Each structure stands twice: as structure tokens, then as C-alpha cells.
Amino acid sequence: MKKTGIFGGSYNPIHIGHLALANYLCEYGDLDEVWFMVSPQNPFKAHSSDLWDDQLRLELVRLAVEDYPKFHASDFEFHLPRPSYMVNTLQKLREAHLDREFTLIIGADNWMSFPRWKDANIIMANHPLIVYPRPGYEIDESTLPANVRLVNTPLLEVSSTFIRESLKQGKDVRYFLHPKVWERIASLTIE
């Protein structure tokens, strides 16, 4: 079975922090691949006017991952009922891909709120989880369930909010983004 990490997010936009984390999990962890699951609507976030168009966010993820064979951009949640609940996504993925074992990748901030996720117990019963560090969220590894693994990945203090705010201010943030993502975003601001 292929070990596939599901890395869900708004990717509004995708940045080097997302890519470096996923790269680390493939090269230094036990994942064969990481699927960047672009979420059309996070149930914990109110629909925001700051959320870029679904197709643009997906296009940027595709541009960022196209040259690395262990990464895949996924629009799987675009075809599911909204809001997107990870328990439903994982169930449908299991049904559609019998040759893969899916591992959910979440940040320490999401782990702290995980008990509030829809059917968190079902997710835990059916999938391993990888939790990566986030500034300000300390996790006691000894308290984690057996199928939840804390990974010591490098921390890159970059956020999509920072990228969007910087772009609004006319800042050149090309080194926080994959070059193809930067080129596409720059072309949008010129058009």
C-alpha cells in the first residue's frame, strides 16, 4: 500500500512553508507521497472575502507541486458537499483509492482543536495522524494516542495571511513562494 499524506488547507496561497513541510515528511518521514487537498470551505472559518477563487488556489498548488513526483494537487473536496468535513473526505478517499493508506497531516494548532472536529473519533479510529509543530502550541508527546505521531520538522514562520497582506501593500514576496506561484500571482496583479 502506498502511504499517502493528506495535507488539507485553503492554500490561500500555497507558500514555501507548506512545501518544505511536505518535502520533509516525504524525504525524512515514512510517507511515499503528499496530496495537497485544497479545501473549498473550512468549516471552522467563516466564508471570507479574503479567500481567493477556488480554481486559482488549485492552479497555484498545481504550479508549486508539478515538478516533484511525490506531491499531488487535489481538488477532491471540490466534488463533495460543503462545508468540507475531513471525516467525509477521508471516507470517500478510502473508497476511491483502495491501494493507499491515508495519513492525515495537521498542525499542532489543529491538534489542540481536534476534539471539536466532526467525528474526530472516527478519523482517529481509521487513520494515522502526523502532527507538525506550530509556534505557540506545545504538545506533550507522551499524551498522544498510539496512531498520532508528532514530527520534529523545521519551522518556517510564513503564513498565507502574511503573503496576502504583503501583496496588498505592494511588497515583493517572491522568496516566500515557489517561483512559478510567484510568476502567476505577479501576472494577476499586472493584468
C-alpha atoms as a PDB file:
ATOM      1  CA  MET A   1       0.000   0.000   0.000  1.00  0.00           C
ATOM      2  CA  LYS A   2       1.198   3.466  -0.859  1.00  0.00           C
ATOM      3  CA  LYS A   3       1.475   5.702   2.217  1.00  0.00           C
ATOM      4  CA  THR A   4      -0.252   8.928   1.255  1.00  0.00           C
ATOM      5  CA  GLY A   5      -0.305  12.002   3.449  1.00  0.00           C
ATOM      6  CA  ILE A   6      -3.392  14.211   3.203  1.00  0.00           C
ATOM      7  CA  PHE A   7      -2.388  17.807   3.810  1.00  0.00           C
ATOM      8  CA  GLY A   8      -5.597  19.816   3.759  1.00  0.00           C
ATOM      9  CA  GLY A   9      -5.729  23.569   3.609  1.00  0.00           C
ATOM     10  CA  SER A  10      -7.091  26.675   1.999  1.00  0.00           C
ATOM     11  CA  TYR A  11      -3.702  27.350   0.365  1.00  0.00           C
ATOM     12  CA  ASN A  12      -4.632  30.989   0.081  1.00  0.00           C
ATOM     13  CA  PRO A  13      -1.934  30.955  -1.357  1.00  0.00           C
ATOM     14  CA  ILE A  14       0.417  27.977  -1.045  1.00  0.00           C
ATOM     15  CA  HIS A  15       3.869  29.075   0.187  1.00  0.00           C
ATOM     16  CA  ILE A  16       7.300  27.659   0.881  1.00  0.00           C
ATOM     17  CA  GLY A  17       6.343  26.685   4.434  1.00  0.00           C
ATOM     18  CA  HIS A  18       3.722  24.248   3.112  1.00  0.00           C
ATOM     19  CA  LEU A  19       6.135  22.851   0.536  1.00  0.00           C
ATOM     20  CA  ALA A  20       9.102  22.479   2.896  1.00  0.00           C
ATOM     21  CA  LEU A  21       6.967  20.669   5.469  1.00  0.00           C
ATOM     22  CA  ALA A  22       5.573  18.209   2.921  1.00  0.00           C
ATOM     23  CA  ASN A  23       9.033  17.688   1.421  1.00  0.00           C
ATOM     24  CA  TYR A  24      10.394  16.874   4.877  1.00  0.00           C
ATOM     25  CA  LEU A  25       7.609  14.343   5.528  1.00  0.00           C
ATOM     26  CA  CYS A  26       8.358  12.550   2.253  1.00  0.00           C
ATOM     27  CA  GLU A  27      12.154  12.606   2.462  1.00  0.00           C
ATOM     28  CA  TYR A  28      12.664  12.168   6.211  1.00  0.00           C
ATOM     29  CA  GLY A  29       9.369  10.585   7.243  1.00  0.00           C
ATOM     30  CA  ASP A  30       7.668   7.443   6.064  1.00  0.00           C
ATOM     31  CA  LEU A  31       5.249   8.937   3.523  1.00  0.00           C
ATOM     32  CA  ASP A  32       5.507   7.913  -0.120  1.00  0.00           C
ATOM     33  CA  GLU A  33       3.611  10.985  -1.254  1.00  0.00           C
ATOM     34  CA  VAL A  34       1.673  14.020  -0.032  1.00  0.00           C
ATOM     35  CA  TRP A  35      -1.611  15.167  -1.520  1.00  0.00           C
ATOM     36  CA  PHE A  36      -2.292  18.880  -1.074  1.00  0.00           C
ATOM     37  CA  MET A  37      -6.054  18.814  -0.504  1.00  0.00           C
ATOM     38  CA  VAL A  38      -7.307  22.256  -1.490  1.00  0.00           C
ATOM     39  CA  SER A  39     -10.330  23.000   0.667  1.00  0.00           C
ATOM     40  CA  PRO A  40     -13.179  24.987  -0.839  1.00  0.00           C
ATOM     41  CA  GLN A  41     -14.593  25.822   2.594  1.00  0.00           C
ATOM     42  CA  ASN A  42     -13.126  25.199   6.022  1.00  0.00           C
ATOM     43  CA  PRO A  43     -15.999  24.576   8.483  1.00  0.00           C
ATOM     44  CA  PHE A  44     -14.072  26.434  11.225  1.00  0.00           C
ATOM     45  CA  LYS A  45     -13.579  29.563   9.151  1.00  0.00           C
ATOM     46  CA  ALA A  46     -16.358  31.892   8.120  1.00  0.00           C
ATOM     47  CA  HIS A  47     -16.507  32.390   4.371  1.00  0.00           C
ATOM     48  CA  SER A  48     -14.199  35.319   3.825  1.00  0.00           C
ATOM     49  CA  SER A  49     -13.810  37.823   1.034  1.00  0.00           C
ATOM     50  CA  ASP A  50     -10.057  37.240   1.508  1.00  0.00           C
ATOM     51  CA  LEU A  51     -10.428  33.680   0.193  1.00  0.00           C
ATOM     52  CA  TRP A  52      -9.133  33.592  -3.349  1.00  0.00           C
ATOM     53  CA  ASP A  53     -11.099  31.807  -6.056  1.00  0.00           C
ATOM     54  CA  ASP A  54     -11.095  28.003  -5.725  1.00  0.00           C
ATOM     55  CA  GLN A  55      -9.698  27.451  -9.212  1.00  0.00           C
ATOM     56  CA  LEU A  56      -6.905  29.982  -8.721  1.00  0.00           C
ATOM     57  CA  ARG A  57      -5.824  28.412  -5.427  1.00  0.00           C
ATOM     58  CA  LEU A  58      -5.851  24.976  -7.060  1.00  0.00           C
ATOM     59  CA  GLU A  59      -3.874  26.291 -10.047  1.00  0.00           C
ATOM     60  CA  LEU A  60      -1.234  27.758  -7.736  1.00  0.00           C
ATOM     61  CA  VAL A  61      -0.911  24.458  -5.852  1.00  0.00           C
ATOM     62  CA  ARG A  62      -0.558  22.602  -9.158  1.00  0.00           C
ATOM     63  CA  LEU A  63       2.173  25.000 -10.273  1.00  0.00           C
ATOM     64  CA  ALA A  64       4.001  24.585  -6.958  1.00  0.00           C
ATOM     65  CA  VAL A  65       3.993  20.775  -6.968  1.00  0.00           C
ATOM     66  CA  GLU A  66       4.177  19.816 -10.636  1.00  0.00           C
ATOM     67  CA  ASP A  67       7.927  19.149 -10.730  1.00  0.00           C
ATOM     68  CA  TYR A  68       8.120  16.926  -7.642  1.00  0.00           C
ATOM     69  CA  PRO A  69       6.743  13.410  -8.206  1.00  0.00           C
ATOM     70  CA  LYS A  70       5.905  12.824  -4.542  1.00  0.00           C
ATOM     71  CA  PHE A  71       3.450  15.757  -4.450  1.00  0.00           C
ATOM     72  CA  HIS A  72      -0.062  15.874  -5.864  1.00  0.00           C
ATOM     73  CA  ALA A  73      -2.519  18.774  -6.049  1.00  0.00           C
ATOM     74  CA  SER A  74      -6.035  17.573  -5.289  1.00  0.00           C
ATOM     75  CA  ASP A  75      -9.438  19.101  -5.943  1.00  0.00           C
ATOM     76  CA  PHE A  76     -11.148  16.070  -4.372  1.00  0.00           C
ATOM     77  CA  GLU A  77     -13.063  18.185  -1.846  1.00  0.00           C
ATOM     78  CA  PHE A  78     -14.425  20.403  -4.627  1.00  0.00           C
ATOM     79  CA  HIS A  79     -16.691  17.489  -5.554  1.00  0.00           C
ATOM     80  CA  LEU A  80     -18.001  16.823  -2.047  1.00  0.00           C
ATOM     81  CA  PRO A  81     -20.792  18.585  -0.126  1.00  0.00           C
ATOM     82  CA  ARG A  82     -19.835  21.812   1.610  1.00  0.00           C
ATOM     83  CA  PRO A  83     -18.631  22.604   4.144  1.00  0.00           C
ATOM     84  CA  SER A  84     -15.758  20.150   3.792  1.00  0.00           C
ATOM     85  CA  TYR A  85     -15.504  17.810   6.742  1.00  0.00           C
ATOM     86  CA  MET A  86     -12.293  15.800   6.838  1.00  0.00           C
ATOM     87  CA  VAL A  87     -14.090  12.685   8.079  1.00  0.00           C
ATOM     88  CA  ASN A  88     -16.146  12.641   4.859  1.00  0.00           C
ATOM     89  CA  THR A  89     -13.139  13.401   2.680  1.00  0.00           C
ATOM     90  CA  LEU A  90     -11.120  10.556   4.177  1.00  0.00           C
ATOM     91  CA  GLN A  91     -14.019   8.107   3.866  1.00  0.00           C
ATOM     92  CA  LYS A  92     -14.511   8.960   0.184  1.00  0.00           C
ATOM     93  CA  LEU A  93     -10.761   8.779  -0.455  1.00  0.00           C
ATOM     94  CA  ARG A  94     -10.616   5.285   1.079  1.00  0.00           C
ATOM     95  CA  GLU A  95     -13.496   4.166  -1.139  1.00  0.00           C
ATOM     96  CA  ALA A  96     -11.905   5.618  -4.279  1.00  0.00           C
ATOM     97  CA  HIS A  97      -8.302   4.512  -3.660  1.00  0.00           C
ATOM     98  CA  LEU A  98      -8.076   1.030  -2.190  1.00  0.00           C
ATOM     99  CA  ASP A  99      -4.334   0.890  -2.915  1.00  0.00           C
ATOM    100  CA  ARG A 100      -3.443   3.665  -0.466  1.00  0.00           C
ATOM    101  CA  GLU A 101      -3.180   4.143   3.280  1.00  0.00           C
ATOM    102  CA  PHE A 102      -4.129   7.728   4.075  1.00  0.00           C
ATOM    103  CA  THR A 103      -2.439   9.635   6.895  1.00  0.00           C
ATOM    104  CA  LEU A 104      -3.846  12.972   7.981  1.00  0.00           C
ATOM    105  CA  ILE A 105      -1.280  15.770   8.358  1.00  0.00           C
ATOM    106  CA  ILE A 106      -2.242  18.592  10.735  1.00  0.00           C
ATOM    107  CA  GLY A 107      -0.522  21.348  12.651  1.00  0.00           C
ATOM    108  CA  ALA A 108      -0.227  21.448  16.423  1.00  0.00           C
ATOM    109  CA  ASP A 109      -2.832  24.234  16.439  1.00  0.00           C
ATOM    110  CA  ASN A 110      -5.327  21.934  14.726  1.00  0.00           C
ATOM    111  CA  TRP A 111      -4.427  19.061  17.045  1.00  0.00           C
ATOM    112  CA  MET A 112      -5.421  21.226  20.015  1.00  0.00           C
ATOM    113  CA  SER A 113      -8.864  21.777  18.469  1.00  0.00           C
ATOM    114  CA  PHE A 114      -9.135  18.261  17.014  1.00  0.00           C
ATOM    115  CA  PRO A 115     -11.745  17.064  19.541  1.00  0.00           C
ATOM    116  CA  ARG A 116     -14.119  19.679  18.034  1.00  0.00           C
ATOM    117  CA  TRP A 117     -13.721  18.272  14.506  1.00  0.00           C
ATOM    118  CA  LYS A 118     -16.748  16.456  13.125  1.00  0.00           C
ATOM    119  CA  ASP A 119     -16.441  12.764  14.053  1.00  0.00           C
ATOM    120  CA  ALA A 120     -12.860  13.132  15.255  1.00  0.00           C
ATOM    121  CA  ASN A 121     -13.140   9.710  16.887  1.00  0.00           C
ATOM    122  CA  ILE A 122     -13.932   8.105  13.509  1.00  0.00           C
ATOM    123  CA  ILE A 123     -10.925   9.798  11.913  1.00  0.00           C
ATOM    124  CA  MET A 124      -8.723   8.545  14.767  1.00  0.00           C
ATOM    125  CA  ALA A 125     -10.097   5.015  14.514  1.00  0.00           C
ATOM    126  CA  ASN A 126      -9.404   4.746  10.786  1.00  0.00           C
ATOM    127  CA  HIS A 127      -6.301   6.821  10.059  1.00  0.00           C
ATOM    128  CA  PRO A 128      -2.886   7.584  11.450  1.00  0.00           C
ATOM    129  CA  LEU A 129      -2.189  11.263  12.094  1.00  0.00           C
ATOM    130  CA  ILE A 130       1.006  13.269  11.779  1.00  0.00           C
ATOM    131  CA  VAL A 131       1.152  16.445  13.852  1.00  0.00           C
ATOM    132  CA  TYR A 132       3.755  19.061  12.972  1.00  0.00           C
ATOM    133  CA  PRO A 133       4.905  21.879  15.269  1.00  0.00           C
ATOM    134  CA  ARG A 134       3.394  25.363  15.171  1.00  0.00           C
ATOM    135  CA  PRO A 135       4.724  28.335  17.135  1.00  0.00           C
ATOM    136  CA  GLY A 136       2.845  28.844  20.381  1.00  0.00           C
ATOM    137  CA  TYR A 137       1.383  25.311  20.534  1.00  0.00           C
ATOM    138  CA  GLU A 138       3.282  22.941  22.779  1.00  0.00           C
ATOM    139  CA  ILE A 139       2.293  19.282  22.693  1.00  0.00           C
ATOM    140  CA  ASP A 140       3.285  16.709  25.276  1.00  0.00           C
ATOM    141  CA  GLU A 141       4.223  13.753  23.092  1.00  0.00           C
ATOM    142  CA  SER A 142       3.614  11.315  25.953  1.00  0.00           C
ATOM    143  CA  THR A 143      -0.117  12.204  25.902  1.00  0.00           C
ATOM    144  CA  LEU A 144      -0.648  11.339  22.229  1.00  0.00           C
ATOM    145  CA  PRO A 145      -2.663   8.272  21.191  1.00  0.00           C
ATOM    146  CA  ALA A 146      -0.745   5.422  19.561  1.00  0.00           C
ATOM    147  CA  ASN A 147      -1.725   6.341  15.997  1.00  0.00           C
ATOM    148  CA  VAL A 148      -0.756  10.022  16.371  1.00  0.00           C
ATOM    149  CA  ARG A 149       2.855  10.923  15.718  1.00  0.00           C
ATOM    150  CA  LEU A 150       4.495  14.255  16.478  1.00  0.00           C
ATOM    151  CA  VAL A 151       7.201  15.088  13.944  1.00  0.00           C
ATOM    152  CA  ASN A 152      10.074  17.445  14.572  1.00  0.00           C
ATOM    153  CA  THR A 153      10.002  19.326  11.276  1.00  0.00           C
ATOM    154  CA  PRO A 154      11.821  22.592  10.657  1.00  0.00           C
ATOM    155  CA  LEU A 155       9.661  25.624  11.450  1.00  0.00           C
ATOM    156  CA  LEU A 156       9.237  28.280   8.791  1.00  0.00           C
ATOM    157  CA  GLU A 157       7.366  31.302  10.099  1.00  0.00           C
ATOM    158  CA  VAL A 158       5.398  32.032   6.939  1.00  0.00           C
ATOM    159  CA  SER A 159       1.639  32.320   6.620  1.00  0.00           C
ATOM    160  CA  SER A 160      -0.745  32.801   3.740  1.00  0.00           C
ATOM    161  CA  THR A 161      -2.172  35.813   5.592  1.00  0.00           C
ATOM    162  CA  PHE A 162       1.296  37.390   5.634  1.00  0.00           C
ATOM    163  CA  ILE A 163       1.630  36.742   1.883  1.00  0.00           C
ATOM    164  CA  ARG A 164      -1.783  38.271   1.074  1.00  0.00           C
ATOM    165  CA  GLU A 165      -1.206  41.328   3.279  1.00  0.00           C
ATOM    166  CA  SER A 166       2.235  41.863   1.783  1.00  0.00           C
ATOM    167  CA  LEU A 167       0.834  41.661  -1.744  1.00  0.00           C
ATOM    168  CA  LYS A 168      -1.838  44.236  -0.859  1.00  0.00           C
ATOM    169  CA  GLN A 169       0.954  46.540   0.316  1.00  0.00           C
ATOM    170  CA  GLY A 170       2.852  46.062  -2.954  1.00  0.00           C
ATOM    171  CA  LYS A 171       5.672  44.098  -1.328  1.00  0.00           C
ATOM    172  CA  ASP A 172       7.875  41.734  -3.322  1.00  0.00           C
ATOM    173  CA  VAL A 173       7.482  38.391  -1.532  1.00  0.00           C
ATOM    174  CA  ARG A 174       8.836  36.174  -4.296  1.00  0.00           C
ATOM    175  CA  TYR A 175      11.185  34.271  -1.971  1.00  0.00           C
ATOM    176  CA  PHE A 176       8.295  33.150   0.231  1.00  0.00           C
ATOM    177  CA  LEU A 177       6.657  31.426  -2.750  1.00  0.00           C
ATOM    178  CA  HIS A 178       7.552  28.785  -5.302  1.00  0.00           C
ATOM    179  CA  PRO A 179       8.895  30.655  -8.374  1.00  0.00           C
ATOM    180  CA  LYS A 180       6.018  29.510 -10.613  1.00  0.00           C
ATOM    181  CA  VAL A 181       3.484  30.596  -7.979  1.00  0.00           C
ATOM    182  CA  TRP A 182       5.155  33.998  -7.730  1.00  0.00           C
ATOM    183  CA  GLU A 183       5.126  34.392 -11.533  1.00  0.00           C
ATOM    184  CA  ARG A 184       1.421  33.572 -11.713  1.00  0.00           C
ATOM    185  CA  ILE A 185       0.492  35.902  -8.857  1.00  0.00           C
ATOM    186  CA  ALA A 186       2.624  38.690 -10.357  1.00  0.00           C
ATOM    187  CA  SER A 187       0.841  38.222 -13.703  1.00  0.00           C
ATOM    188  CA  LEU A 188      -2.523  38.682 -11.945  1.00  0.00           C
ATOM    189  CA  THR A 189      -1.536  41.975 -10.394  1.00  0.00           C
ATOM    190  CA  ILE A 190      -0.354  43.278 -13.781  1.00  0.00           C
ATOM    191  CA  GLU A 191      -3.461  42.223 -15.725  1.00  0.00           C
END
